[in-house]
Amino acid sequence: MTPSAGGRHSKLIGAAEIGPTLLRFGRDGCSVCLGGLFKQGRPVALVRELIRTGLSDLRLFSSPGSGYDVDLLIAAGRVAETFLPAVTLENRFCPSFRGAVERGEITAHAIDALTVVGGLMAAAHGVPFQPVAAWAGSDVTSLNPLARPIASPFGDEPLYAVPAIRPDLVLLHAQEGDEYGNLRNLSTMTYADALMARAGQHVVASVDKLVPNEAILRDPRGTTVAGIYVDAVVEIPFGAHPTASFPHYSMDESFIERFADLAEAGRRAGSTAEVTAYLERFVLGPADIFDYLEALGGYRALAPLEREARFL
């Protein structure tokens, strides 16, 4: 970080610094939490960089709806445990997740959205647990390793608790941000990003577009994650691809489907060759976001996603 006017420090890093930054905040076996929701606003470029670091045995958390980026991490063999309410491509299973669970390569814990949100809330508020009443009468607590029955101090109604979830590393993506880490999510599909930022021990964020701090100050209510919670921010155009980042670009469904098809074919055949080739082409091979975009077919292939986003 470099000093700046007013005693503040710039948290802006360059593309070449992403890997070293992730290694500074993370380690083998650490807990990682991913922002966004389903196919919107996922920190996919940061996930690719996380894979490139070689960190492994990760304990993975996410907003309640996760998909492509989680499957990519699992396909790369970086995950040991998942605490994910939903891992889905919405119209089909995530093949790498399914295959890894079937083969016993990862431990997939059965938890629900209340577990993740409640645990993040507890961490964000600085308390050891979050009470949950909604599990009463359900079988969730018999399967959920993070759920515990507790006695209410103010009555005898059934009550449960989930422990604070304090991820070692939180990865977020936003449409805009400034050099001090203030983020602006221009889409409503952020779900728990602000909560994750408050709960995480270290937060690294990518933004499609870096904006001057003056723009942040002119519209303070537009800030969705305050810079005090962010350790590093990096400008990565199309940083959420192939998930959407409205209003800049829509999701690249055909790209996601191609990955799912080859991963599913490999799962059925018991072969890793297809996924290995995919990872080499789109994750391990490209040196930066521009190489990645070239591997996709360049801007010509992505322009339709920008046009589509303007009409949604």
C-alpha atoms as a PDB file:
ATOM      1  CA  MET A   1       0.000   0.000   0.000  1.00  0.00           C
ATOM      2  CA  THR A   2       1.210   3.518  -0.778  1.00  0.00           C
ATOM      3  CA  PRO A   3       0.529   6.646   1.343  1.00  0.00           C
ATOM      4  CA  SER A   4      -1.823   9.220  -0.144  1.00  0.00           C
ATOM      5  CA  ALA A   5      -3.359  12.566   0.696  1.00  0.00           C
ATOM      6  CA  GLY A   6      -5.184  12.824   3.989  1.00  0.00           C
ATOM      7  CA  GLY A   7      -3.226  10.001   5.600  1.00  0.00           C
ATOM      8  CA  ARG A   8      -5.120   7.305   3.729  1.00  0.00           C
ATOM      9  CA  HIS A   9      -3.369   4.441   1.995  1.00  0.00           C
ATOM     10  CA  SER A  10      -4.104   3.189  -1.479  1.00  0.00           C
ATOM     11  CA  LYS A  11      -5.180  -0.454  -1.501  1.00  0.00           C
ATOM     12  CA  LEU A  12      -4.887  -0.721  -5.263  1.00  0.00           C
ATOM     13  CA  ILE A  13      -2.793  -3.602  -6.571  1.00  0.00           C
ATOM     14  CA  GLY A  14      -1.847  -4.571 -10.098  1.00  0.00           C
ATOM     15  CA  ALA A  15      -2.678  -7.820 -11.863  1.00  0.00           C
ATOM     16  CA  ALA A  16       0.797  -9.213 -11.176  1.00  0.00           C
ATOM     17  CA  GLU A  17       0.297  -8.641  -7.448  1.00  0.00           C
ATOM     18  CA  ILE A  18      -2.893 -10.688  -7.094  1.00  0.00           C
ATOM     19  CA  GLY A  19      -1.165 -14.019  -6.571  1.00  0.00           C
ATOM     20  CA  PRO A  20       1.331 -12.736  -3.987  1.00  0.00           C
ATOM     21  CA  THR A  21      -1.493 -10.926  -2.176  1.00  0.00           C
ATOM     22  CA  LEU A  22      -3.586 -14.093  -1.967  1.00  0.00           C
ATOM     23  CA  LEU A  23      -0.555 -16.001  -0.689  1.00  0.00           C
ATOM     24  CA  ARG A  24       0.021 -13.313   1.935  1.00  0.00           C
ATOM     25  CA  PHE A  25      -3.503 -13.648   3.290  1.00  0.00           C
ATOM     26  CA  GLY A  26      -4.131 -17.345   2.620  1.00  0.00           C
ATOM     27  CA  ARG A  27      -2.444 -20.672   3.298  1.00  0.00           C
ATOM     28  CA  ASP A  28      -3.066 -24.356   2.647  1.00  0.00           C
ATOM     29  CA  GLY A  29      -6.154 -25.430   4.568  1.00  0.00           C
ATOM     30  CA  CYS A  30      -7.494 -21.906   5.076  1.00  0.00           C
ATOM     31  CA  SER A  31     -11.151 -20.926   4.794  1.00  0.00           C
ATOM     32  CA  VAL A  32     -12.208 -19.001   1.688  1.00  0.00           C
ATOM     33  CA  CYS A  33     -15.558 -17.286   1.140  1.00  0.00           C
ATOM     34  CA  LEU A  34     -16.816 -16.265  -2.317  1.00  0.00           C
ATOM     35  CA  GLY A  35     -19.224 -13.410  -2.978  1.00  0.00           C
ATOM     36  CA  GLY A  36     -21.876 -12.940  -5.627  1.00  0.00           C
ATOM     37  CA  LEU A  37     -24.919 -15.114  -6.176  1.00  0.00           C
ATOM     38  CA  PHE A  38     -25.361 -18.072  -8.543  1.00  0.00           C
ATOM     39  CA  LYS A  39     -24.357 -16.670 -11.972  1.00  0.00           C
ATOM     40  CA  GLN A  40     -24.060 -13.025 -10.977  1.00  0.00           C
ATOM     41  CA  GLY A  41     -21.161 -11.060  -9.582  1.00  0.00           C
ATOM     42  CA  ARG A  42     -18.926 -14.005  -8.765  1.00  0.00           C
ATOM     43  CA  PRO A  43     -15.200 -13.199  -8.284  1.00  0.00           C
ATOM     44  CA  VAL A  44     -14.160 -15.597 -11.048  1.00  0.00           C
ATOM     45  CA  ALA A  45     -10.938 -13.846 -12.096  1.00  0.00           C
ATOM     46  CA  LEU A  46      -9.752 -13.916  -8.476  1.00  0.00           C
ATOM     47  CA  VAL A  47     -10.699 -17.585  -8.249  1.00  0.00           C
ATOM     48  CA  ARG A  48      -8.547 -18.303 -11.308  1.00  0.00           C
ATOM     49  CA  GLU A  49      -5.665 -16.519  -9.584  1.00  0.00           C
ATOM     50  CA  LEU A  50      -6.321 -18.480  -6.402  1.00  0.00           C
ATOM     51  CA  ILE A  51      -6.008 -21.694  -8.397  1.00  0.00           C
ATOM     52  CA  ARG A  52      -2.753 -20.439  -9.905  1.00  0.00           C
ATOM     53  CA  THR A  53      -1.247 -19.876  -6.438  1.00  0.00           C
ATOM     54  CA  GLY A  54      -1.368 -23.622  -5.776  1.00  0.00           C
ATOM     55  CA  LEU A  55      -3.063 -23.205  -2.374  1.00  0.00           C
ATOM     56  CA  SER A  56      -4.912 -26.426  -1.565  1.00  0.00           C
ATOM     57  CA  ASP A  57      -7.077 -28.208   1.022  1.00  0.00           C
ATOM     58  CA  LEU A  58      -9.293 -25.128   1.127  1.00  0.00           C
ATOM     59  CA  ARG A  59     -12.397 -24.955   3.318  1.00  0.00           C
ATOM     60  CA  LEU A  60     -14.914 -23.290   1.033  1.00  0.00           C
ATOM     61  CA  PHE A  61     -17.807 -21.004   1.998  1.00  0.00           C
ATOM     62  CA  SER A  62     -19.983 -18.896  -0.277  1.00  0.00           C
ATOM     63  CA  SER A  63     -23.169 -16.942  -0.473  1.00  0.00           C
ATOM     64  CA  PRO A  64     -26.043 -19.466  -0.432  1.00  0.00           C
ATOM     65  CA  GLY A  65     -26.058 -19.739  -4.238  1.00  0.00           C
ATOM     66  CA  SER A  66     -22.792 -20.847  -5.855  1.00  0.00           C
ATOM     67  CA  GLY A  67     -21.868 -22.583  -9.082  1.00  0.00           C
ATOM     68  CA  TYR A  68     -19.261 -22.209 -11.835  1.00  0.00           C
ATOM     69  CA  ASP A  69     -16.417 -20.734  -9.773  1.00  0.00           C
ATOM     70  CA  VAL A  70     -16.833 -23.360  -7.051  1.00  0.00           C
ATOM     71  CA  ASP A  71     -16.818 -26.116  -9.665  1.00  0.00           C
ATOM     72  CA  LEU A  72     -13.658 -24.627 -11.181  1.00  0.00           C
ATOM     73  CA  LEU A  73     -11.850 -24.687  -7.824  1.00  0.00           C
ATOM     74  CA  ILE A  74     -12.908 -28.279  -7.247  1.00  0.00           C
ATOM     75  CA  ALA A  75     -11.922 -29.319 -10.776  1.00  0.00           C
ATOM     76  CA  ALA A  76      -8.463 -27.911 -10.065  1.00  0.00           C
ATOM     77  CA  GLY A  77      -8.184 -30.047  -6.924  1.00  0.00           C
ATOM     78  CA  ARG A  78      -7.913 -27.118  -4.529  1.00  0.00           C
ATOM     79  CA  VAL A  79     -10.830 -27.888  -2.170  1.00  0.00           C
ATOM     80  CA  ALA A  80     -11.020 -30.260   0.811  1.00  0.00           C
ATOM     81  CA  GLU A  81     -14.325 -29.243   2.430  1.00  0.00           C
ATOM     82  CA  THR A  82     -17.394 -27.311   1.340  1.00  0.00           C
ATOM     83  CA  PHE A  83     -19.923 -25.482   3.497  1.00  0.00           C
ATOM     84  CA  LEU A  84     -22.294 -24.548   0.687  1.00  0.00           C
ATOM     85  CA  PRO A  85     -26.098 -24.469   0.795  1.00  0.00           C
ATOM     86  CA  ALA A  86     -26.367 -24.771  -3.000  1.00  0.00           C
ATOM     87  CA  VAL A  87     -23.849 -25.712  -5.671  1.00  0.00           C
ATOM     88  CA  THR A  88     -25.634 -25.547  -8.987  1.00  0.00           C
ATOM     89  CA  LEU A  89     -25.577 -24.212 -12.518  1.00  0.00           C
ATOM     90  CA  GLU A  90     -29.329 -23.687 -12.009  1.00  0.00           C
ATOM     91  CA  ASN A  91     -30.317 -25.793 -14.994  1.00  0.00           C
ATOM     92  CA  ARG A  92     -27.997 -28.705 -14.135  1.00  0.00           C
ATOM     93  CA  PHE A  93     -25.656 -30.139 -11.510  1.00  0.00           C
ATOM     94  CA  CYS A  94     -22.103 -28.871 -11.108  1.00  0.00           C
ATOM     95  CA  PRO A  95     -20.258 -31.905 -12.519  1.00  0.00           C
ATOM     96  CA  SER A  96     -16.899 -31.450 -10.789  1.00  0.00           C
ATOM     97  CA  PHE A  97     -18.548 -30.979  -7.406  1.00  0.00           C
ATOM     98  CA  ARG A  98     -20.758 -34.009  -7.948  1.00  0.00           C
ATOM     99  CA  GLY A  99     -17.871 -36.195  -9.110  1.00  0.00           C
ATOM    100  CA  ALA A 100     -15.589 -35.170  -6.234  1.00  0.00           C
ATOM    101  CA  VAL A 101     -18.314 -35.947  -3.682  1.00  0.00           C
ATOM    102  CA  GLU A 102     -19.094 -39.307  -5.287  1.00  0.00           C
ATOM    103  CA  ARG A 103     -15.409 -40.266  -5.259  1.00  0.00           C
ATOM    104  CA  GLY A 104     -14.946 -39.121  -1.668  1.00  0.00           C
ATOM    105  CA  GLU A 105     -12.358 -36.507  -2.661  1.00  0.00           C
ATOM    106  CA  ILE A 106     -14.066 -33.684  -0.770  1.00  0.00           C
ATOM    107  CA  THR A 107     -16.300 -33.489   2.284  1.00  0.00           C
ATOM    108  CA  ALA A 108     -19.533 -31.681   1.409  1.00  0.00           C
ATOM    109  CA  HIS A 109     -21.329 -30.635   4.586  1.00  0.00           C
ATOM    110  CA  ALA A 110     -25.123 -30.449   4.554  1.00  0.00           C
ATOM    111  CA  ILE A 111     -25.937 -26.889   5.580  1.00  0.00           C
ATOM    112  CA  ASP A 112     -28.585 -24.349   4.650  1.00  0.00           C
ATOM    113  CA  ALA A 113     -28.639 -20.622   3.905  1.00  0.00           C
ATOM    114  CA  LEU A 114     -29.418 -19.734   7.517  1.00  0.00           C
ATOM    115  CA  THR A 115     -26.181 -21.395   8.589  1.00  0.00           C
ATOM    116  CA  VAL A 116     -23.991 -19.272   6.316  1.00  0.00           C
ATOM    117  CA  VAL A 117     -25.852 -16.012   6.831  1.00  0.00           C
ATOM    118  CA  GLY A 118     -26.172 -16.568  10.578  1.00  0.00           C
ATOM    119  CA  GLY A 119     -22.498 -17.456  10.960  1.00  0.00           C
ATOM    120  CA  LEU A 120     -21.400 -14.423   8.952  1.00  0.00           C
ATOM    121  CA  MET A 121     -23.727 -12.193  10.976  1.00  0.00           C
ATOM    122  CA  ALA A 122     -22.193 -13.426  14.221  1.00  0.00           C
ATOM    123  CA  ALA A 123     -18.671 -12.717  12.964  1.00  0.00           C
ATOM    124  CA  ALA A 124     -19.681  -9.308  11.601  1.00  0.00           C
ATOM    125  CA  HIS A 125     -21.207  -8.376  14.974  1.00  0.00           C
ATOM    126  CA  GLY A 126     -18.242  -9.683  16.935  1.00  0.00           C
ATOM    127  CA  VAL A 127     -20.175 -12.322  18.874  1.00  0.00           C
ATOM    128  CA  PRO A 128     -19.408 -16.069  19.113  1.00  0.00           C
ATOM    129  CA  PHE A 129     -22.691 -17.340  17.690  1.00  0.00           C
ATOM    130  CA  GLN A 130     -26.002 -16.354  16.089  1.00  0.00           C
ATOM    131  CA  PRO A 131     -29.309 -17.663  17.485  1.00  0.00           C
ATOM    132  CA  VAL A 132     -31.609 -19.322  14.942  1.00  0.00           C
ATOM    133  CA  ALA A 133     -35.260 -20.114  15.692  1.00  0.00           C
ATOM    134  CA  ALA A 134     -36.382 -21.274  12.243  1.00  0.00           C
ATOM    135  CA  TRP A 135     -34.840 -24.753  12.571  1.00  0.00           C
ATOM    136  CA  ALA A 136     -37.396 -25.798  15.183  1.00  0.00           C
ATOM    137  CA  GLY A 137     -39.338 -28.835  13.982  1.00  0.00           C
ATOM    138  CA  SER A 138     -36.962 -29.577  11.111  1.00  0.00           C
ATOM    139  CA  ASP A 139     -34.312 -32.259  10.638  1.00  0.00           C
ATOM    140  CA  VAL A 140     -31.639 -29.715   9.691  1.00  0.00           C
ATOM    141  CA  THR A 141     -29.863 -29.900  13.018  1.00  0.00           C
ATOM    142  CA  SER A 142     -29.334 -33.665  12.767  1.00  0.00           C
ATOM    143  CA  LEU A 143     -27.286 -33.233   9.578  1.00  0.00           C
ATOM    144  CA  ASN A 144     -25.771 -29.785   9.939  1.00  0.00           C
ATOM    145  CA  PRO A 145     -22.356 -29.908  11.684  1.00  0.00           C
ATOM    146  CA  LEU A 146     -22.549 -26.210  12.578  1.00  0.00           C
ATOM    147  CA  ALA A 147     -26.004 -26.241  14.202  1.00  0.00           C
ATOM    148  CA  ARG A 148     -26.372 -26.641  17.955  1.00  0.00           C
ATOM    149  CA  PRO A 149     -29.419 -26.565  20.253  1.00  0.00           C
ATOM    150  CA  ILE A 150     -29.138 -23.933  22.986  1.00  0.00           C
ATOM    151  CA  ALA A 151     -31.240 -22.822  25.944  1.00  0.00           C
ATOM    152  CA  SER A 152     -32.928 -19.472  25.552  1.00  0.00           C
ATOM    153  CA  PRO A 153     -32.144 -17.053  28.400  1.00  0.00           C
ATOM    154  CA  PHE A 154     -35.595 -15.480  28.048  1.00  0.00           C
ATOM    155  CA  GLY A 155     -37.989 -18.376  27.547  1.00  0.00           C
ATOM    156  CA  ASP A 156     -38.364 -22.080  26.876  1.00  0.00           C
ATOM    157  CA  GLU A 157     -38.968 -21.995  23.116  1.00  0.00           C
ATOM    158  CA  PRO A 158     -36.739 -24.232  20.945  1.00  0.00           C
ATOM    159  CA  LEU A 159     -33.628 -22.334  19.942  1.00  0.00           C
ATOM    160  CA  TYR A 160     -30.467 -23.163  18.035  1.00  0.00           C
ATOM    161  CA  ALA A 161     -27.162 -21.488  17.295  1.00  0.00           C
ATOM    162  CA  VAL A 162     -24.589 -21.366  14.525  1.00  0.00           C
ATOM    163  CA  PRO A 163     -20.992 -20.378  15.383  1.00  0.00           C
ATOM    164  CA  ALA A 164     -19.368 -17.263  13.970  1.00  0.00           C
ATOM    165  CA  ILE A 165     -17.951 -17.845  10.486  1.00  0.00           C
ATOM    166  CA  ARG A 166     -14.780 -15.774  10.098  1.00  0.00           C
ATOM    167  CA  PRO A 167     -13.265 -16.681   6.726  1.00  0.00           C
ATOM    168  CA  ASP A 168      -9.511 -16.275   6.433  1.00  0.00           C
ATOM    169  CA  LEU A 169      -9.966 -14.887   2.939  1.00  0.00           C
ATOM    170  CA  VAL A 170     -13.008 -13.304   1.285  1.00  0.00           C
ATOM    171  CA  LEU A 171     -13.059 -12.769  -2.489  1.00  0.00           C
ATOM    172  CA  LEU A 172     -15.539 -10.255  -3.901  1.00  0.00           C
ATOM    173  CA  HIS A 173     -16.339  -8.685  -7.240  1.00  0.00           C
ATOM    174  CA  ALA A 174     -18.030  -5.329  -7.806  1.00  0.00           C
ATOM    175  CA  GLN A 175     -18.757  -3.228 -10.849  1.00  0.00           C
ATOM    176  CA  GLU A 176     -16.897  -0.181  -9.539  1.00  0.00           C
ATOM    177  CA  GLY A 177     -14.472   0.759  -6.793  1.00  0.00           C
ATOM    178  CA  ASP A 178     -11.833   3.308  -5.878  1.00  0.00           C
ATOM    179  CA  GLU A 179      -8.206   2.918  -4.874  1.00  0.00           C
ATOM    180  CA  TYR A 180      -9.127   2.906  -1.184  1.00  0.00           C
ATOM    181  CA  GLY A 181     -11.254  -0.214  -1.521  1.00  0.00           C
ATOM    182  CA  ASN A 182     -14.699   1.401  -1.478  1.00  0.00           C
ATOM    183  CA  LEU A 183     -16.911  -0.803  -3.645  1.00  0.00           C
ATOM    184  CA  ARG A 184     -20.090  -0.041  -5.572  1.00  0.00           C
ATOM    185  CA  ASN A 185     -22.295  -2.925  -6.621  1.00  0.00           C
ATOM    186  CA  LEU A 186     -24.517  -1.498  -9.333  1.00  0.00           C
ATOM    187  CA  SER A 187     -26.587  -4.683  -9.436  1.00  0.00           C
ATOM    188  CA  THR A 188     -28.969  -5.776  -6.686  1.00  0.00           C
ATOM    189  CA  MET A 189     -27.722  -9.388  -6.850  1.00  0.00           C
ATOM    190  CA  THR A 190     -25.001  -9.046  -4.213  1.00  0.00           C
ATOM    191  CA  TYR A 191     -26.875 -10.845  -1.449  1.00  0.00           C
ATOM    192  CA  ALA A 192     -24.287 -11.212   1.339  1.00  0.00           C
ATOM    193  CA  ASP A 193     -21.196  -9.441  -0.015  1.00  0.00           C
ATOM    194  CA  ALA A 194     -21.248  -6.615   2.552  1.00  0.00           C
ATOM    195  CA  LEU A 195     -21.760  -9.131   5.348  1.00  0.00           C
ATOM    196  CA  MET A 196     -18.844 -11.251   4.118  1.00  0.00           C
ATOM    197  CA  ALA A 197     -16.598  -8.195   4.027  1.00  0.00           C
ATOM    198  CA  ARG A 198     -17.406  -7.387   7.645  1.00  0.00           C
ATOM    199  CA  ALA A 199     -16.960 -11.019   8.735  1.00  0.00           C
ATOM    200  CA  GLY A 200     -13.764 -11.884   6.853  1.00  0.00           C
ATOM    201  CA  GLN A 201     -10.270 -11.544   8.251  1.00  0.00           C
ATOM    202  CA  HIS A 202      -8.914 -10.431   4.861  1.00  0.00           C
ATOM    203  CA  VAL A 203     -10.847  -9.190   1.828  1.00  0.00           C
ATOM    204  CA  VAL A 204      -9.581  -8.972  -1.743  1.00  0.00           C
ATOM    205  CA  ALA A 205     -11.911  -7.412  -4.311  1.00  0.00           C
ATOM    206  CA  SER A 206     -11.883  -7.093  -8.079  1.00  0.00           C
ATOM    207  CA  VAL A 207     -13.759  -4.356  -9.916  1.00  0.00           C
ATOM    208  CA  ASP A 208     -14.651  -4.029 -13.569  1.00  0.00           C
ATOM    209  CA  LYS A 209     -13.892  -0.332 -13.449  1.00  0.00           C
ATOM    210  CA  LEU A 210     -11.739   1.790 -11.165  1.00  0.00           C
ATOM    211  CA  VAL A 211     -13.342   5.180 -10.420  1.00  0.00           C
ATOM    212  CA  PRO A 212     -11.880   8.304  -8.732  1.00  0.00           C
ATOM    213  CA  ASN A 213     -12.479   8.689  -5.020  1.00  0.00           C
ATOM    214  CA  GLU A 214     -14.299  11.935  -5.855  1.00  0.00           C
ATOM    215  CA  ALA A 215     -16.984   9.885  -7.613  1.00  0.00           C
ATOM    216  CA  ILE A 216     -17.440   7.813  -4.452  1.00  0.00           C
ATOM    217  CA  LEU A 217     -17.715  10.950  -2.309  1.00  0.00           C
ATOM    218  CA  ARG A 218     -20.322  12.496  -4.611  1.00  0.00           C
ATOM    219  CA  ASP A 219     -22.598   9.488  -4.057  1.00  0.00           C
ATOM    220  CA  PRO A 220     -21.803   8.059  -0.610  1.00  0.00           C
ATOM    221  CA  ARG A 221     -24.999   6.025  -0.495  1.00  0.00           C
ATOM    222  CA  GLY A 222     -23.860   4.171  -3.587  1.00  0.00           C
ATOM    223  CA  THR A 223     -21.025   2.522  -1.642  1.00  0.00           C
ATOM    224  CA  THR A 224     -22.068  -1.046  -0.831  1.00  0.00           C
ATOM    225  CA  VAL A 225     -18.834  -2.183   0.837  1.00  0.00           C
ATOM    226  CA  ALA A 226     -16.783   0.382   2.728  1.00  0.00           C
ATOM    227  CA  GLY A 227     -13.058   0.490   2.102  1.00  0.00           C
ATOM    228  CA  ILE A 228     -12.272  -0.078   5.796  1.00  0.00           C
ATOM    229  CA  TYR A 229     -13.214  -3.735   5.273  1.00  0.00           C
ATOM    230  CA  VAL A 230     -11.149  -4.264   2.097  1.00  0.00           C
ATOM    231  CA  ASP A 231      -7.450  -5.152   2.159  1.00  0.00           C
ATOM    232  CA  ALA A 232      -6.760  -5.001  -1.574  1.00  0.00           C
ATOM    233  CA  VAL A 233      -8.612  -3.995  -4.733  1.00  0.00           C
ATOM    234  CA  VAL A 234      -7.663  -4.688  -8.335  1.00  0.00           C
ATOM    235  CA  GLU A 235      -9.198  -3.503 -11.599  1.00  0.00           C
ATOM    236  CA  ILE A 236     -10.037  -6.486 -13.813  1.00  0.00           C
ATOM    237  CA  PRO A 237     -12.283  -5.821 -16.834  1.00  0.00           C
ATOM    238  CA  PHE A 238     -14.746  -8.697 -17.195  1.00  0.00           C
ATOM    239  CA  GLY A 239     -13.547  -9.909 -13.797  1.00  0.00           C
ATOM    240  CA  ALA A 240     -16.764 -11.831 -13.135  1.00  0.00           C
ATOM    241  CA  HIS A 241     -16.880 -13.596 -16.527  1.00  0.00           C
ATOM    242  CA  PRO A 242     -18.552 -15.964 -17.313  1.00  0.00           C
ATOM    243  CA  THR A 243     -20.996 -14.824 -14.609  1.00  0.00           C
ATOM    244  CA  ALA A 244     -22.792 -11.509 -15.082  1.00  0.00           C
ATOM    245  CA  SER A 245     -21.796  -8.079 -13.839  1.00  0.00           C
ATOM    246  CA  PHE A 246     -24.785  -5.866 -14.592  1.00  0.00           C
ATOM    247  CA  PRO A 247     -25.021  -3.315 -16.070  1.00  0.00           C
ATOM    248  CA  HIS A 248     -21.660  -3.956 -17.761  1.00  0.00           C
ATOM    249  CA  TYR A 249     -22.162  -7.462 -19.144  1.00  0.00           C
ATOM    250  CA  SER A 250     -24.533 -10.386 -18.871  1.00  0.00           C
ATOM    251  CA  MET A 251     -23.692 -13.994 -18.070  1.00  0.00           C
ATOM    252  CA  ASP A 252     -21.996 -16.097 -20.721  1.00  0.00           C
ATOM    253  CA  GLU A 253     -24.300 -19.103 -20.632  1.00  0.00           C
ATOM    254  CA  SER A 254     -22.720 -20.850 -23.621  1.00  0.00           C
ATOM    255  CA  PHE A 255     -19.255 -20.690 -22.026  1.00  0.00           C
ATOM    256  CA  ILE A 256     -20.584 -22.147 -18.767  1.00  0.00           C
ATOM    257  CA  GLU A 257     -22.424 -24.868 -20.667  1.00  0.00           C
ATOM    258  CA  ARG A 258     -19.298 -25.860 -22.596  1.00  0.00           C
ATOM    259  CA  PHE A 259     -17.372 -26.272 -19.365  1.00  0.00           C
ATOM    260  CA  ALA A 260     -20.213 -28.262 -17.807  1.00  0.00           C
ATOM    261  CA  ASP A 261     -20.457 -30.537 -20.856  1.00  0.00           C
ATOM    262  CA  LEU A 262     -16.772 -31.452 -20.903  1.00  0.00           C
ATOM    263  CA  ALA A 263     -16.590 -31.835 -17.111  1.00  0.00           C
ATOM    264  CA  GLU A 264     -19.653 -34.083 -17.132  1.00  0.00           C
ATOM    265  CA  ALA A 265     -18.265 -36.150 -20.006  1.00  0.00           C
ATOM    266  CA  GLY A 266     -15.033 -36.594 -18.091  1.00  0.00           C
ATOM    267  CA  ARG A 267     -16.908 -37.563 -14.929  1.00  0.00           C
ATOM    268  CA  ARG A 268     -18.870 -40.227 -16.752  1.00  0.00           C
ATOM    269  CA  ALA A 269     -15.783 -41.587 -18.508  1.00  0.00           C
ATOM    270  CA  GLY A 270     -13.590 -41.430 -15.424  1.00  0.00           C
ATOM    271  CA  SER A 271     -11.172 -39.151 -17.288  1.00  0.00           C
ATOM    272  CA  THR A 272      -9.577 -35.871 -16.240  1.00  0.00           C
ATOM    273  CA  ALA A 273      -8.012 -35.088 -19.627  1.00  0.00           C
ATOM    274  CA  GLU A 274     -10.783 -32.741 -20.776  1.00  0.00           C
ATOM    275  CA  VAL A 275     -10.842 -30.692 -17.581  1.00  0.00           C
ATOM    276  CA  THR A 276      -7.046 -30.583 -17.434  1.00  0.00           C
ATOM    277  CA  ALA A 277      -6.937 -29.147 -20.964  1.00  0.00           C
ATOM    278  CA  TYR A 278      -9.630 -26.615 -20.046  1.00  0.00           C
ATOM    279  CA  LEU A 279      -7.725 -25.475 -16.964  1.00  0.00           C
ATOM    280  CA  GLU A 280      -4.550 -25.096 -18.982  1.00  0.00           C
ATOM    281  CA  ARG A 281      -6.284 -23.026 -21.645  1.00  0.00           C
ATOM    282  CA  PHE A 282      -8.376 -20.728 -19.455  1.00  0.00           C
ATOM    283  CA  VAL A 283      -6.796 -20.756 -15.970  1.00  0.00           C
ATOM    284  CA  LEU A 284      -3.156 -21.808 -15.841  1.00  0.00           C
ATOM    285  CA  GLY A 285      -2.072 -20.682 -19.300  1.00  0.00           C
ATOM    286  CA  PRO A 286      -3.187 -17.032 -19.508  1.00  0.00           C
ATOM    287  CA  ALA A 287      -0.714 -14.682 -17.831  1.00  0.00           C
ATOM    288  CA  ASP A 288      -3.332 -11.982 -17.196  1.00  0.00           C
ATOM    289  CA  ILE A 289      -6.911 -10.964 -17.930  1.00  0.00           C
ATOM    290  CA  PHE A 290      -5.996  -9.890 -21.458  1.00  0.00           C
ATOM    291  CA  ASP A 291      -4.553 -13.304 -22.296  1.00  0.00           C
ATOM    292  CA  TYR A 292      -7.719 -14.819 -20.828  1.00  0.00           C
ATOM    293  CA  LEU A 293      -9.914 -12.644 -23.024  1.00  0.00           C
ATOM    294  CA  GLU A 294      -7.861 -13.608 -26.062  1.00  0.00           C
ATOM    295  CA  ALA A 295      -8.371 -17.273 -25.201  1.00  0.00           C
ATOM    296  CA  LEU A 296     -12.114 -16.579 -25.199  1.00  0.00           C
ATOM    297  CA  GLY A 297     -11.935 -15.115 -28.681  1.00  0.00           C
ATOM    298  CA  GLY A 298     -11.172 -11.511 -27.815  1.00  0.00           C
ATOM    299  CA  TYR A 299     -13.532  -8.594 -27.442  1.00  0.00           C
ATOM    300  CA  ARG A 300     -15.493  -9.730 -30.496  1.00  0.00           C
ATOM    301  CA  ALA A 301     -16.739 -12.694 -28.450  1.00  0.00           C
ATOM    302  CA  LEU A 302     -17.661 -10.555 -25.428  1.00  0.00           C
ATOM    303  CA  ALA A 303     -19.313  -7.545 -27.073  1.00  0.00           C
ATOM    304  CA  PRO A 304     -22.690  -9.343 -27.298  1.00  0.00           C
ATOM    305  CA  LEU A 305     -22.653  -9.740 -23.506  1.00  0.00           C
ATOM    306  CA  GLU A 306     -22.296  -5.977 -23.110  1.00  0.00           C
ATOM    307  CA  ARG A 307     -25.134  -5.318 -25.547  1.00  0.00           C
ATOM    308  CA  GLU A 308     -27.383  -7.831 -23.822  1.00  0.00           C
ATOM    309  CA  ALA A 309     -26.751  -6.283 -20.392  1.00  0.00           C
ATOM    310  CA  ARG A 310     -27.977  -2.891 -21.610  1.00  0.00           C
ATOM    311  CA  PHE A 311     -31.402  -4.321 -22.350  1.00  0.00           C
ATOM    312  CA  LEU A 312     -31.889  -6.376 -19.175  1.00  0.00           C
END
